Amino acid sequence: MPVREQLMRAHRAALSNCSRCPEMIGPVVSGSPVLSKILLVGQAPGDKEGGFGKPFAWTAGKTMFKWFERIGLDEEAFRQRVYMAAVCRCFPGKNPKGGDRVPSPAEIDNCVGWLQAEVDLLKPDLILPVGKLAIGQLMPVKRLNDVIGKLHPVTFHGHRTEAIPLPHPSGASTWHRTEAGLALLESALTILQQHPSWQQICQARTADIA
């Protein structure tokens, strides 16, 4: 077995056994262990993802995968060709005021080592941070309007790469469905479609990516 594959298997085995955050609700949720040059970073799984055993498995995912299908990859192909990670890998629980609880700074710190290990292993040419919390790990963000719709050079965990931020596809968010947000989302997807890394994984067979 190639060394990078062995390292990925060891990483995933350790990740699946993580129990650092007592208020988080398991199981650990991860995407396919594909050795991809594109890394997607979400916020944290919702309450349905643990049961399905994969990220973006419910309504927000349906919206997001429609975005990607429009520019060349359906959900199955995307999951096979893009490494899907998150700021936190377990469900944070519900917010008493509604919606899912936002992970605490301590929980984010507890999980950051997993993401750093994946960046070290994959050395991605492109990162897709989804939602404000994920975007904020790569660059300062006060308003989505300031960062979405652009290609950003970034240094993430010591690795120089590029990022195309995307809004969170949650049904609770209206940003990506309003006029300004719609236009910026379209710009982001156009930039993504034209990016060499995206074109490469669209053209390659799955066997060439994994």
Protein backbone atom coordinates (compact mmCIF):
# COMPACT_ATOMS: atom_id res chain seq x y z
CA MET A 1 0.00 0.00 0.00
CA PRO A 2 1.40 3.46 -0.90
CA VAL A 3 2.70 5.50 2.03
CA ARG A 4 0.14 8.32 1.69
CA GLU A 5 -2.68 5.80 1.70
CA GLN A 6 -1.30 4.22 4.87
CA LEU A 7 -1.01 7.65 6.50
CA MET A 8 -4.59 8.47 5.53
CA ARG A 9 -5.89 5.21 6.98
CA ALA A 10 -4.02 5.79 10.23
CA HIS A 11 -5.28 9.37 10.42
CA ARG A 12 -8.88 8.33 9.85
CA ALA A 13 -8.69 5.56 12.44
CA ALA A 14 -7.42 8.00 15.06
CA LEU A 15 -9.99 10.63 14.07
CA SER A 16 -12.90 8.20 14.32
CA ASN A 17 -11.95 7.49 17.96
CA CYS A 18 -11.68 11.14 19.02
CA SER A 19 -13.57 12.05 22.22
CA ARG A 20 -11.94 15.36 23.18
CA CYS A 21 -15.15 17.41 23.46
CA PRO A 22 -17.61 16.24 26.13
CA GLU A 23 -20.48 18.41 24.88
CA MET A 24 -20.17 17.26 21.27
CA ILE A 25 -22.45 14.46 20.10
CA GLY A 26 -20.82 11.63 18.14
CA PRO A 27 -20.14 9.86 15.93
CA VAL A 28 -17.27 11.59 14.18
CA VAL A 29 -18.40 12.44 10.64
CA SER A 30 -15.99 12.39 7.68
CA GLY A 31 -16.16 12.24 3.93
CA SER A 32 -14.43 9.68 1.70
CA PRO A 33 -10.69 9.18 2.35
CA VAL A 34 -9.76 10.38 -1.12
CA LEU A 35 -6.26 11.78 -1.67
CA SER A 36 -7.61 14.86 -3.44
CA LYS A 37 -5.99 18.17 -4.31
CA ILE A 38 -9.26 19.90 -3.40
CA LEU A 39 -10.27 20.18 0.27
CA LEU A 40 -13.77 21.25 1.30
CA VAL A 41 -14.10 22.55 4.87
CA GLY A 42 -17.56 22.81 6.42
CA GLN A 43 -18.56 24.05 9.89
CA ALA A 44 -19.74 20.90 11.69
CA PRO A 45 -22.20 18.08 10.97
CA GLY A 46 -25.87 18.53 11.72
CA ASP A 47 -28.08 16.13 13.63
CA LYS A 48 -28.76 13.90 10.59
CA GLU A 49 -25.19 13.45 9.32
CA GLY A 50 -24.09 11.02 12.05
CA GLY A 51 -26.84 8.59 11.07
CA PHE A 52 -25.89 8.76 7.41
CA GLY A 53 -22.17 8.61 8.16
CA LYS A 54 -21.21 11.41 5.78
CA PRO A 55 -21.10 15.22 5.77
CA PHE A 56 -23.77 17.36 4.08
CA ALA A 57 -26.16 14.41 3.97
CA TRP A 58 -29.40 16.35 4.54
CA THR A 59 -31.15 19.43 3.12
CA ALA A 60 -28.14 21.79 3.14
CA GLY A 61 -26.19 19.17 1.24
CA LYS A 62 -28.90 18.87 -1.41
CA THR A 63 -28.58 22.59 -2.05
CA MET A 64 -24.79 22.54 -2.12
CA PHE A 65 -24.52 19.56 -4.44
CA LYS A 66 -26.89 21.27 -6.88
CA TRP A 67 -24.32 24.10 -7.06
CA PHE A 68 -21.53 21.67 -7.90
CA GLU A 69 -23.64 19.67 -10.36
CA ARG A 70 -24.22 22.84 -12.38
CA ILE A 71 -20.47 23.16 -12.93
CA GLY A 72 -19.62 19.57 -13.72
CA LEU A 73 -19.77 17.18 -10.74
CA ASP A 74 -22.84 15.46 -9.32
CA GLU A 75 -22.97 14.48 -5.64
CA GLU A 76 -21.55 10.98 -6.07
CA ALA A 77 -18.64 12.18 -8.21
CA PHE A 78 -17.92 15.07 -5.84
CA ARG A 79 -17.81 12.79 -2.80
CA GLN A 80 -15.41 10.44 -4.64
CA ARG A 81 -13.09 13.21 -5.84
CA VAL A 82 -13.02 15.91 -3.13
CA TYR A 83 -11.86 15.44 0.48
CA MET A 84 -14.64 16.72 2.73
CA ALA A 85 -13.54 17.94 6.16
CA ALA A 86 -14.94 20.37 8.74
CA VAL A 87 -13.88 22.77 11.47
CA CYS A 88 -15.47 20.34 13.97
CA ARG A 89 -16.30 16.72 13.18
CA CYS A 90 -19.10 15.95 15.68
CA PHE A 91 -22.59 17.40 16.03
CA PRO A 92 -22.47 20.33 18.49
CA GLY A 93 -26.09 19.88 19.57
CA LYS A 94 -29.00 22.27 19.32
CA ASN A 95 -29.02 25.90 20.36
CA PRO A 96 -31.86 26.49 22.86
CA LYS A 97 -32.72 29.63 20.87
CA GLY A 98 -33.02 27.65 17.63
CA GLY A 99 -30.76 26.05 15.07
CA ASP A 100 -27.55 24.17 15.74
CA ARG A 101 -25.13 25.31 18.43
CA VAL A 102 -22.00 27.03 17.12
CA PRO A 103 -18.85 25.17 18.29
CA SER A 104 -16.99 26.94 21.07
CA PRO A 105 -13.42 28.26 20.59
CA ALA A 106 -12.17 25.42 22.81
CA GLU A 107 -13.94 22.82 20.67
CA ILE A 108 -12.51 24.37 17.52
CA ASP A 109 -9.03 24.23 19.08
CA ASN A 110 -9.57 20.59 20.05
CA CYS A 111 -10.37 19.70 16.45
CA VAL A 112 -7.85 21.86 14.61
CA GLY A 113 -5.11 19.23 14.76
CA TRP A 114 -7.18 16.87 12.60
CA LEU A 115 -7.58 19.52 9.93
CA GLN A 116 -3.90 20.42 10.07
CA ALA A 117 -2.97 16.75 9.62
CA GLU A 118 -5.18 16.59 6.53
CA VAL A 119 -3.61 19.73 5.07
CA ASP A 120 -0.15 18.25 5.71
CA LEU A 121 -1.15 15.01 4.02
CA LEU A 122 -3.13 16.33 1.07
CA LYS A 123 -1.23 19.58 0.38
CA PRO A 124 -4.35 20.87 -1.40
CA ASP A 125 -4.12 23.16 -4.41
CA LEU A 126 -7.57 24.53 -3.59
CA ILE A 127 -9.65 24.86 -0.42
CA LEU A 128 -13.43 25.43 -0.42
CA PRO A 129 -14.47 26.82 2.98
CA VAL A 130 -18.26 26.65 3.32
CA GLY A 131 -19.93 29.13 5.67
CA LYS A 132 -18.62 31.97 7.79
CA LEU A 133 -17.06 29.85 10.54
CA ALA A 134 -15.05 27.80 8.05
CA ILE A 135 -14.08 30.85 6.00
CA GLY A 136 -12.88 32.54 9.19
CA GLN A 137 -10.29 29.80 9.72
CA LEU A 138 -8.55 30.89 6.50
CA MET A 139 -9.04 34.65 6.37
CA PRO A 140 -10.62 37.56 8.25
CA VAL A 141 -14.34 37.81 7.44
CA LYS A 142 -16.81 40.35 8.76
CA ARG A 143 -19.29 40.09 5.90
CA LEU A 144 -19.77 37.33 3.35
CA ASN A 145 -20.10 40.03 0.67
CA ASP A 146 -16.44 40.94 1.22
CA VAL A 147 -14.99 37.48 0.55
CA ILE A 148 -17.35 35.41 -1.61
CA GLY A 149 -17.02 35.69 -5.38
CA LYS A 150 -13.21 35.93 -5.30
CA LEU A 151 -10.17 33.66 -5.50
CA HIS A 152 -7.96 34.20 -2.43
CA PRO A 153 -4.29 33.27 -2.03
CA VAL A 154 -3.96 31.90 1.51
CA THR A 155 -1.47 30.23 3.82
CA PHE A 156 -3.30 27.61 5.85
CA HIS A 157 -1.49 25.58 8.50
CA GLY A 158 1.79 26.51 6.84
CA HIS A 159 0.66 25.48 3.35
CA ARG A 160 0.41 28.10 0.60
CA THR A 161 -2.66 27.49 -1.52
CA GLU A 162 -5.81 29.14 -2.90
CA ALA A 163 -9.32 29.38 -1.49
CA ILE A 164 -12.76 29.98 -2.99
CA PRO A 165 -15.17 30.73 -0.11
CA LEU A 166 -18.79 29.62 -0.45
CA PRO A 167 -21.85 30.55 1.62
CA HIS A 168 -23.41 27.97 3.88
CA PRO A 169 -26.25 26.29 1.95
CA SER A 170 -28.48 26.05 5.03
CA GLY A 171 -32.17 26.65 4.52
CA ALA A 172 -32.02 28.94 7.56
CA SER A 173 -29.75 31.32 5.65
CA THR A 174 -31.24 33.73 3.14
CA TRP A 175 -27.89 35.18 2.01
CA HIS A 176 -27.39 32.83 -0.94
CA ARG A 177 -30.99 33.32 -2.07
CA THR A 178 -31.07 37.13 -2.11
CA GLU A 179 -29.96 39.31 -5.02
CA ALA A 180 -26.45 40.29 -3.87
CA GLY A 181 -25.70 36.86 -2.48
CA LEU A 182 -26.96 35.11 -5.60
CA ALA A 183 -24.66 37.17 -7.83
CA LEU A 184 -21.62 36.57 -5.61
CA LEU A 185 -22.37 32.85 -5.40
CA GLU A 186 -22.53 32.71 -9.20
CA SER A 187 -19.17 34.48 -9.40
CA ALA A 188 -17.65 31.99 -6.95
CA LEU A 189 -18.97 29.00 -8.90
CA THR A 190 -17.67 30.46 -12.17
CA ILE A 191 -14.22 30.93 -10.63
CA LEU A 192 -14.37 27.38 -9.28
CA GLN A 193 -15.42 25.95 -12.65
CA GLN A 194 -12.45 27.65 -14.30
CA HIS A 195 -9.90 26.63 -11.67
CA PRO A 196 -7.33 24.10 -12.98
CA SER A 197 -7.82 21.79 -9.97
CA TRP A 198 -11.57 21.63 -10.55
CA GLN A 199 -11.13 21.00 -14.26
CA GLN A 200 -8.64 18.24 -13.49
CA ILE A 201 -10.96 16.32 -11.17
CA CYS A 202 -13.90 16.78 -13.55
CA GLN A 203 -11.89 15.23 -16.39
CA ALA A 204 -10.16 12.47 -14.45
CA ARG A 205 -11.51 9.02 -13.77
CA THR A 206 -12.21 8.27 -10.11
CA ALA A 207 -9.39 5.72 -10.14
CA ASP A 208 -6.96 8.50 -11.04
CA ILE A 209 -8.02 10.61 -8.03
CA ALA A 210 -8.27 8.02 -5.24
